[in-house]
Amino acid sequence: MVDKVIQMQEKRHPIKKTSVKHQPKGLSILFQDHDIIVIDKTSGLLTVGTDR
């Protein structure tokens, strides 16, 4: 029986905070970490990429 536990950790780099001048109007970041981001956006602001 093996009694060894191998713990693997991801190398995570610090999250760069987005400056307010680089955020679109009507969008604010409420929380973000390496796994999730929570935003508050106004209606009509697209959340998918476009060709424009």
PDB file of N, CA and C in Angstrom:
ATOM      1  N   MET A   1       0.843  -1.180   0.000  1.00  0.00           N
ATOM      2  CA  MET A   1       0.000   0.000   0.000  1.00  0.00           C
ATOM      3  C   MET A   1       0.890   1.246   0.000  1.00  0.00           C
ATOM      4  N   VAL A   2       0.559   2.186  -0.832  1.00  0.00           N
ATOM      5  CA  VAL A   2       1.347   3.405  -0.940  1.00  0.00           C
ATOM      6  C   VAL A   2       0.734   4.479  -0.065  1.00  0.00           C
ATOM      7  N   ASP A   3       1.555   5.084   0.791  1.00  0.00           N
ATOM      8  CA  ASP A   3       1.070   6.125   1.693  1.00  0.00           C
ATOM      9  C   ASP A   3       1.583   7.508   1.304  1.00  0.00           C
ATOM     10  N   LYS A   4       1.923   7.686   0.051  1.00  0.00           N
ATOM     11  CA  LYS A   4       2.430   8.972  -0.394  1.00  0.00           C
ATOM     12  C   LYS A   4       1.309   9.778  -1.057  1.00  0.00           C
ATOM     13  N   VAL A   5       1.310  11.046  -0.779  1.00  0.00           N
ATOM     14  CA  VAL A   5       0.363  11.957  -1.411  1.00  0.00           C
ATOM     15  C   VAL A   5       1.181  12.964  -2.201  1.00  0.00           C
ATOM     16  N   ILE A   6       0.884  13.069  -3.455  1.00  0.00           N
ATOM     17  CA  ILE A   6       1.575  14.023  -4.302  1.00  0.00           C
ATOM     18  C   ILE A   6       0.648  15.206  -4.519  1.00  0.00           C
ATOM     19  N   GLN A   7       1.139  16.367  -4.140  1.00  0.00           N
ATOM     20  CA  GLN A   7       0.335  17.572  -4.295  1.00  0.00           C
ATOM     21  C   GLN A   7       0.882  18.374  -5.461  1.00  0.00           C
ATOM     22  N   MET A   8       0.007  18.606  -6.440  1.00  0.00           N
ATOM     23  CA  MET A   8       0.415  19.370  -7.610  1.00  0.00           C
ATOM     24  C   MET A   8      -0.234  20.744  -7.521  1.00  0.00           C
ATOM     25  N   GLN A   9       0.541  21.735  -7.788  1.00  0.00           N
ATOM     26  CA  GLN A   9       0.014  23.091  -7.776  1.00  0.00           C
ATOM     27  C   GLN A   9       0.294  23.738  -9.122  1.00  0.00           C
ATOM     28  N   GLU A  10      -0.707  24.445  -9.610  1.00  0.00           N
ATOM     29  CA  GLU A  10      -0.531  25.197 -10.842  1.00  0.00           C
ATOM     30  C   GLU A  10       0.300  26.425 -10.540  1.00  0.00           C
ATOM     31  N   LYS A  11       1.138  26.775 -11.488  1.00  0.00           N
ATOM     32  CA  LYS A  11       1.826  28.051 -11.364  1.00  0.00           C
ATOM     33  C   LYS A  11       0.859  29.116 -11.831  1.00  0.00           C
ATOM     34  N   ARG A  12       0.505  29.987 -10.945  1.00  0.00           N
ATOM     35  CA  ARG A  12      -0.423  31.056 -11.300  1.00  0.00           C
ATOM     36  C   ARG A  12       0.293  32.380 -11.212  1.00  0.00           C
ATOM     37  N   HIS A  13       0.100  33.155 -12.234  1.00  0.00           N
ATOM     38  CA  HIS A  13       0.709  34.464 -12.279  1.00  0.00           C
ATOM     39  C   HIS A  13      -0.268  35.476 -11.705  1.00  0.00           C
ATOM     40  N   PRO A  14       0.236  36.548 -11.139  1.00  0.00           N
ATOM     41  CA  PRO A  14      -0.668  37.575 -10.595  1.00  0.00           C
ATOM     42  C   PRO A  14      -1.593  38.113 -11.678  1.00  0.00           C
ATOM     43  N   ILE A  15      -2.792  38.443 -11.278  1.00  0.00           N
ATOM     44  CA  ILE A  15      -3.766  38.996 -12.213  1.00  0.00           C
ATOM     45  C   ILE A  15      -3.471  40.473 -12.393  1.00  0.00           C
ATOM     46  N   LYS A  16      -3.377  40.883 -13.647  1.00  0.00           N
ATOM     47  CA  LYS A  16      -3.181  42.293 -13.933  1.00  0.00           C
ATOM     48  C   LYS A  16      -4.538  42.984 -13.864  1.00  0.00           C
ATOM     49  N   LYS A  17      -4.627  43.980 -13.034  1.00  0.00           N
ATOM     50  CA  LYS A  17      -5.876  44.732 -12.923  1.00  0.00           C
ATOM     51  C   LYS A  17      -6.043  45.611 -14.149  1.00  0.00           C
ATOM     52  N   THR A  18      -7.231  45.576 -14.735  1.00  0.00           N
ATOM     53  CA  THR A  18      -7.524  46.398 -15.899  1.00  0.00           C
ATOM     54  C   THR A  18      -7.760  47.821 -15.437  1.00  0.00           C
ATOM     55  N   SER A  19      -7.091  48.757 -16.072  1.00  0.00           N
ATOM     56  CA  SER A  19      -7.302  50.151 -15.692  1.00  0.00           C
ATOM     57  C   SER A  19      -8.680  50.597 -16.160  1.00  0.00           C
ATOM     58  N   VAL A  20      -9.225  51.566 -15.469  1.00  0.00           N
ATOM     59  CA  VAL A  20     -10.574  52.048 -15.768  1.00  0.00           C
ATOM     60  C   VAL A  20     -10.640  52.629 -17.182  1.00  0.00           C
ATOM     61  N   LYS A  21      -9.553  53.243 -17.655  1.00  0.00           N
ATOM     62  CA  LYS A  21      -9.600  53.843 -18.990  1.00  0.00           C
ATOM     63  C   LYS A  21      -9.655  52.799 -20.096  1.00  0.00           C
ATOM     64  N   HIS A  22      -9.340  51.531 -19.808  1.00  0.00           N
ATOM     65  CA  HIS A  22      -9.409  50.475 -20.812  1.00  0.00           C
ATOM     66  C   HIS A  22     -10.702  49.664 -20.734  1.00  0.00           C
ATOM     67  N   GLN A  23     -11.610  50.046 -19.852  1.00  0.00           N
ATOM     68  CA  GLN A  23     -12.896  49.357 -19.750  1.00  0.00           C
ATOM     69  C   GLN A  23     -13.941  50.129 -20.542  1.00  0.00           C
ATOM     70  N   PRO A  24     -14.795  49.424 -21.277  1.00  0.00           N
ATOM     71  CA  PRO A  24     -15.864  50.112 -21.996  1.00  0.00           C
ATOM     72  C   PRO A  24     -16.826  50.789 -21.023  1.00  0.00           C
ATOM     73  N   LYS A  25     -17.455  51.849 -21.467  1.00  0.00           N
ATOM     74  CA  LYS A  25     -18.468  52.511 -20.636  1.00  0.00           C
ATOM     75  C   LYS A  25     -19.615  51.541 -20.423  1.00  0.00           C
ATOM     76  N   GLY A  26     -20.128  51.502 -19.223  1.00  0.00           N
ATOM     77  CA  GLY A  26     -21.231  50.612 -18.904  1.00  0.00           C
ATOM     78  C   GLY A  26     -20.780  49.245 -18.422  1.00  0.00           C
ATOM     79  N   LEU A  27     -19.491  49.097 -18.124  1.00  0.00           N
ATOM     80  CA  LEU A  27     -18.954  47.817 -17.662  1.00  0.00           C
ATOM     81  C   LEU A  27     -18.099  48.056 -16.428  1.00  0.00           C
ATOM     82  N   SER A  28     -18.355  47.284 -15.384  1.00  0.00           N
ATOM     83  CA  SER A  28     -17.483  47.361 -14.209  1.00  0.00           C
ATOM     84  C   SER A  28     -17.205  45.946 -13.713  1.00  0.00           C
ATOM     85  N   ILE A  29     -15.969  45.711 -13.341  1.00  0.00           N
ATOM     86  CA  ILE A  29     -15.564  44.399 -12.839  1.00  0.00           C
ATOM     87  C   ILE A  29     -15.801  44.380 -11.331  1.00  0.00           C
ATOM     88  N   LEU A  30     -16.667  43.475 -10.886  1.00  0.00           N
ATOM     89  CA  LEU A  30     -16.984  43.377  -9.466  1.00  0.00           C
ATOM     90  C   LEU A  30     -16.003  42.484  -8.728  1.00  0.00           C
ATOM     91  N   PHE A  31     -15.561  41.397  -9.391  1.00  0.00           N
ATOM     92  CA  PHE A  31     -14.642  40.443  -8.775  1.00  0.00           C
ATOM     93  C   PHE A  31     -13.932  39.679  -9.871  1.00  0.00           C
ATOM     94  N   GLN A  32     -12.653  39.381  -9.643  1.00  0.00           N
ATOM     95  CA  GLN A  32     -11.961  38.492 -10.571  1.00  0.00           C
ATOM     96  C   GLN A  32     -10.837  37.781  -9.849  1.00  0.00           C
ATOM     97  N   ASP A  33     -10.656  36.521 -10.219  1.00  0.00           N
ATOM     98  CA  ASP A  33      -9.499  35.754  -9.775  1.00  0.00           C
ATOM     99  C   ASP A  33      -9.079  34.886 -10.948  1.00  0.00           C
ATOM    100  N   HIS A  34      -8.294  33.858 -10.709  1.00  0.00           N
ATOM    101  CA  HIS A  34      -7.786  33.043 -11.814  1.00  0.00           C
ATOM    102  C   HIS A  34      -8.841  32.157 -12.459  1.00  0.00           C
ATOM    103  N   ASP A  35      -9.971  31.965 -11.793  1.00  0.00           N
ATOM    104  CA  ASP A  35     -10.976  31.038 -12.305  1.00  0.00           C
ATOM    105  C   ASP A  35     -12.266  31.699 -12.773  1.00  0.00           C
ATOM    106  N   ILE A  36     -12.559  32.884 -12.284  1.00  0.00           N
ATOM    107  CA  ILE A  36     -13.858  33.483 -12.580  1.00  0.00           C
ATOM    108  C   ILE A  36     -13.741  35.001 -12.622  1.00  0.00           C
ATOM    109  N   ILE A  37     -14.630  35.597 -13.391  1.00  0.00           N
ATOM    110  CA  ILE A  37     -14.749  37.058 -13.401  1.00  0.00           C
ATOM    111  C   ILE A  37     -16.232  37.398 -13.309  1.00  0.00           C
ATOM    112  N   VAL A  38     -16.564  38.364 -12.473  1.00  0.00           N
ATOM    113  CA  VAL A  38     -17.945  38.799 -12.288  1.00  0.00           C
ATOM    114  C   VAL A  38     -18.012  40.254 -12.713  1.00  0.00           C
ATOM    115  N   ILE A  39     -18.882  40.528 -13.681  1.00  0.00           N
ATOM    116  CA  ILE A  39     -19.004  41.899 -14.175  1.00  0.00           C
ATOM    117  C   ILE A  39     -20.428  42.392 -14.028  1.00  0.00           C
ATOM    118  N   ASP A  40     -20.572  43.701 -13.995  1.00  0.00           N
ATOM    119  CA  ASP A  40     -21.871  44.359 -14.033  1.00  0.00           C
ATOM    120  C   ASP A  40     -21.868  45.178 -15.315  1.00  0.00           C
ATOM    121  N   LYS A  41     -22.807  44.902 -16.202  1.00  0.00           N
ATOM    122  CA  LYS A  41     -22.839  45.607 -17.476  1.00  0.00           C
ATOM    123  C   LYS A  41     -24.238  46.135 -17.743  1.00  0.00           C
ATOM    124  N   THR A  42     -24.287  47.187 -18.529  1.00  0.00           N
ATOM    125  CA  THR A  42     -25.577  47.746 -18.898  1.00  0.00           C
ATOM    126  C   THR A  42     -26.201  46.896 -20.000  1.00  0.00           C
ATOM    127  N   SER A  43     -27.507  46.950 -20.094  1.00  0.00           N
ATOM    128  CA  SER A  43     -28.169  46.199 -21.162  1.00  0.00           C
ATOM    129  C   SER A  43     -27.777  46.809 -22.500  1.00  0.00           C
ATOM    130  N   GLY A  44     -27.639  45.970 -23.494  1.00  0.00           N
ATOM    131  CA  GLY A  44     -27.247  46.426 -24.823  1.00  0.00           C
ATOM    132  C   GLY A  44     -25.754  46.327 -25.087  1.00  0.00           C
ATOM    133  N   LEU A  45     -24.948  46.157 -24.038  1.00  0.00           N
ATOM    134  CA  LEU A  45     -23.513  45.997 -24.219  1.00  0.00           C
ATOM    135  C   LEU A  45     -23.239  44.532 -24.558  1.00  0.00           C
ATOM    136  N   LEU A  46     -22.663  44.299 -25.755  1.00  0.00           N
ATOM    137  CA  LEU A  46     -22.451  42.936 -26.214  1.00  0.00           C
ATOM    138  C   LEU A  46     -21.380  42.246 -25.407  1.00  0.00           C
ATOM    139  N   THR A  47     -21.536  40.934 -25.232  1.00  0.00           N
ATOM    140  CA  THR A  47     -20.558  40.133 -24.497  1.00  0.00           C
ATOM    141  C   THR A  47     -19.871  39.132 -25.405  1.00  0.00           C
ATOM    142  N   VAL A  48     -20.051  39.286 -26.691  1.00  0.00           N
ATOM    143  CA  VAL A  48     -19.400  38.418 -27.683  1.00  0.00           C
ATOM    144  C   VAL A  48     -18.634  39.288 -28.662  1.00  0.00           C
ATOM    145  N   GLY A  49     -17.614  38.727 -29.271  1.00  0.00           N
ATOM    146  CA  GLY A  49     -16.825  39.473 -30.235  1.00  0.00           C
ATOM    147  C   GLY A  49     -17.596  39.723 -31.524  1.00  0.00           C
ATOM    148  N   THR A  50     -17.254  40.812 -32.179  1.00  0.00           N
ATOM    149  CA  THR A  50     -17.840  41.123 -33.483  1.00  0.00           C
ATOM    150  C   THR A  50     -16.710  41.427 -34.446  1.00  0.00           C
ATOM    151  N   ASP A  51     -17.043  41.587 -35.703  1.00  0.00           N
ATOM    152  CA  ASP A  51     -16.039  41.907 -36.716  1.00  0.00           C
ATOM    153  C   ASP A  51     -15.684  43.388 -36.729  1.00  0.00           C
ATOM    154  N   ARG A  52     -16.379  44.196 -35.975  1.00  0.00           N
ATOM    155  CA  ARG A  52     -16.101  45.645 -35.973  1.00  0.00           C
ATOM    156  C   ARG A  52     -14.946  45.978 -35.094  1.00  0.00           C
TER     157      ARG A  52
END
